[in-house]
């Protein structure tokens, strides 16, 4: 149904479905109609099982709970992509703003560009 909708509306988008268990992966495999399967918050062992079930039918993304300590095992599970939120979760943000001011006349003693 999703691909029919996209085709009808001339949308060139891909569909990714998030799964949290092997049972959900099996449901996606039975239903089809997607381009990617995301394995969310699974252990590397479960990811490997899921990758074996998927057997190359879809691209596979690992996400959720992945750290510097687990990323090697996640990569070894056979997934195609890895999303690592830990890269941004542990850093403080910088609150900044930018104001643009337009002058009708050039400001004296400022260089101009030609």
Protein backbone atom coordinates (compact mmCIF):
# COMPACT_ATOMS: atom_id res chain seq x y z
CA UNK A 1 0.00 0.00 0.00
CA UNK A 2 2.82 2.42 0.81
CA UNK A 3 4.52 1.97 -2.54
CA UNK A 4 1.21 2.41 -4.40
CA UNK A 5 0.63 5.68 -2.53
CA UNK A 6 4.13 6.94 -3.31
CA UNK A 7 3.80 6.03 -6.98
CA UNK A 8 0.34 7.61 -7.25
CA UNK A 9 1.63 10.89 -5.79
CA UNK A 10 4.93 10.78 -7.70
CA UNK A 11 7.02 10.65 -4.52
CA UNK A 12 10.48 9.17 -4.74
CA UNK A 13 10.82 8.08 -1.11
CA UNK A 14 11.97 4.92 0.58
CA UNK A 15 10.16 3.23 3.46
CA UNK A 16 11.92 2.13 6.64
CA UNK A 17 10.16 0.21 9.39
CA UNK A 18 11.40 0.06 12.98
CA UNK A 19 11.45 -3.33 14.70
CA UNK A 20 12.22 -4.13 18.33
CA UNK A 21 12.10 -7.93 18.32
CA UNK A 22 12.66 -10.93 16.07
CA UNK A 23 8.88 -11.41 15.99
CA UNK A 24 8.45 -7.92 14.52
CA UNK A 25 11.19 -8.64 11.96
CA UNK A 26 9.29 -11.79 10.93
CA UNK A 27 6.08 -9.75 10.56
CA UNK A 28 7.84 -7.29 8.26
CA UNK A 29 9.26 -10.14 6.19
CA UNK A 30 5.76 -11.63 5.82
CA UNK A 31 4.18 -8.28 4.92
CA UNK A 32 6.92 -6.69 2.80
CA UNK A 33 6.42 -3.31 1.16
CA UNK A 34 9.44 -1.62 2.74
CA UNK A 35 12.97 -0.73 1.68
CA UNK A 36 14.80 -0.80 5.02
CA UNK A 37 14.37 -2.59 8.34
CA UNK A 38 15.63 -0.84 11.46
CA UNK A 39 16.67 -3.02 14.39
CA UNK A 40 16.02 -0.83 17.42
CA UNK A 41 17.55 -1.47 20.86
CA UNK A 42 18.52 -5.06 20.07
CA UNK A 43 21.63 -6.74 21.39
CA UNK A 44 24.32 -7.56 18.81
CA UNK A 45 23.40 -11.25 19.20
CA UNK A 46 19.74 -10.55 18.33
CA UNK A 47 20.84 -8.27 15.49
CA UNK A 48 22.86 -11.10 13.99
CA UNK A 49 19.82 -13.39 14.20
CA UNK A 50 17.66 -10.71 12.57
CA UNK A 51 20.21 -10.15 9.78
CA UNK A 52 20.19 -13.91 9.14
CA UNK A 53 16.37 -13.91 8.97
CA UNK A 54 16.33 -10.92 6.60
CA UNK A 55 18.91 -12.70 4.44
CA UNK A 56 19.67 -9.75 2.17
CA UNK A 57 16.02 -9.04 1.24
CA UNK A 58 16.24 -5.52 2.72
CA UNK A 59 18.89 -3.08 3.85
CA UNK A 60 19.26 -3.23 7.64
CA UNK A 61 19.94 -0.36 10.04
CA UNK A 62 20.96 -0.80 13.69
CA UNK A 63 19.86 1.89 16.11
CA UNK A 64 19.33 2.47 19.81
CA UNK A 65 21.68 1.88 22.70
CA UNK A 66 24.79 1.75 20.52
CA UNK A 67 27.91 3.06 22.22
CA UNK A 68 31.63 3.18 21.58
CA UNK A 69 31.86 -0.05 23.55
CA UNK A 70 29.26 -1.94 21.48
CA UNK A 71 29.69 -0.54 17.98
CA UNK A 72 32.24 -3.15 16.91
CA UNK A 73 29.93 -6.02 17.87
CA UNK A 74 27.01 -4.27 16.16
CA UNK A 75 29.05 -3.91 12.96
CA UNK A 76 30.02 -7.58 13.16
CA UNK A 77 26.33 -8.54 13.26
CA UNK A 78 26.10 -7.82 9.53
CA UNK A 79 23.89 -4.72 9.50
CA UNK A 80 24.27 -2.31 6.59
CA UNK A 81 23.97 0.95 8.56
CA UNK A 82 24.54 2.00 12.17
CA UNK A 83 22.91 5.03 13.80
CA UNK A 84 24.70 6.22 16.93
CA UNK A 85 22.77 8.72 19.01
CA UNK A 86 25.47 8.62 21.69
CA UNK A 87 27.52 10.92 19.45
CA UNK A 88 25.16 13.78 20.23
CA UNK A 89 23.44 12.76 23.48
CA UNK A 90 26.43 13.40 25.72
CA UNK A 91 27.40 16.84 24.44
CA UNK A 92 26.02 20.10 25.72
CA UNK A 93 24.42 22.36 23.18
CA UNK A 94 25.53 25.90 22.53
CA UNK A 95 22.70 28.42 22.58
CA UNK A 96 23.44 31.01 19.88
CA UNK A 97 21.53 33.41 17.73
CA UNK A 98 22.41 35.44 14.67
CA UNK A 99 21.02 38.84 13.89
CA UNK A 100 21.32 40.35 10.44
CA UNK A 101 21.15 44.11 10.24
CA UNK A 102 20.77 45.89 6.92
CA UNK A 103 21.95 49.48 6.50
CA UNK A 104 20.73 51.80 3.79
CA UNK A 105 24.05 53.64 3.69
CA UNK A 106 27.52 52.10 4.01
CA UNK A 107 29.00 52.27 7.48
CA UNK A 108 31.97 54.70 7.47
CA UNK A 109 35.47 53.21 7.66
CA UNK A 110 34.42 49.66 6.70
CA UNK A 111 35.92 47.77 3.79
CA UNK A 112 33.71 47.16 0.79
CA UNK A 113 33.80 44.29 -1.65
CA UNK A 114 33.88 44.79 -5.38
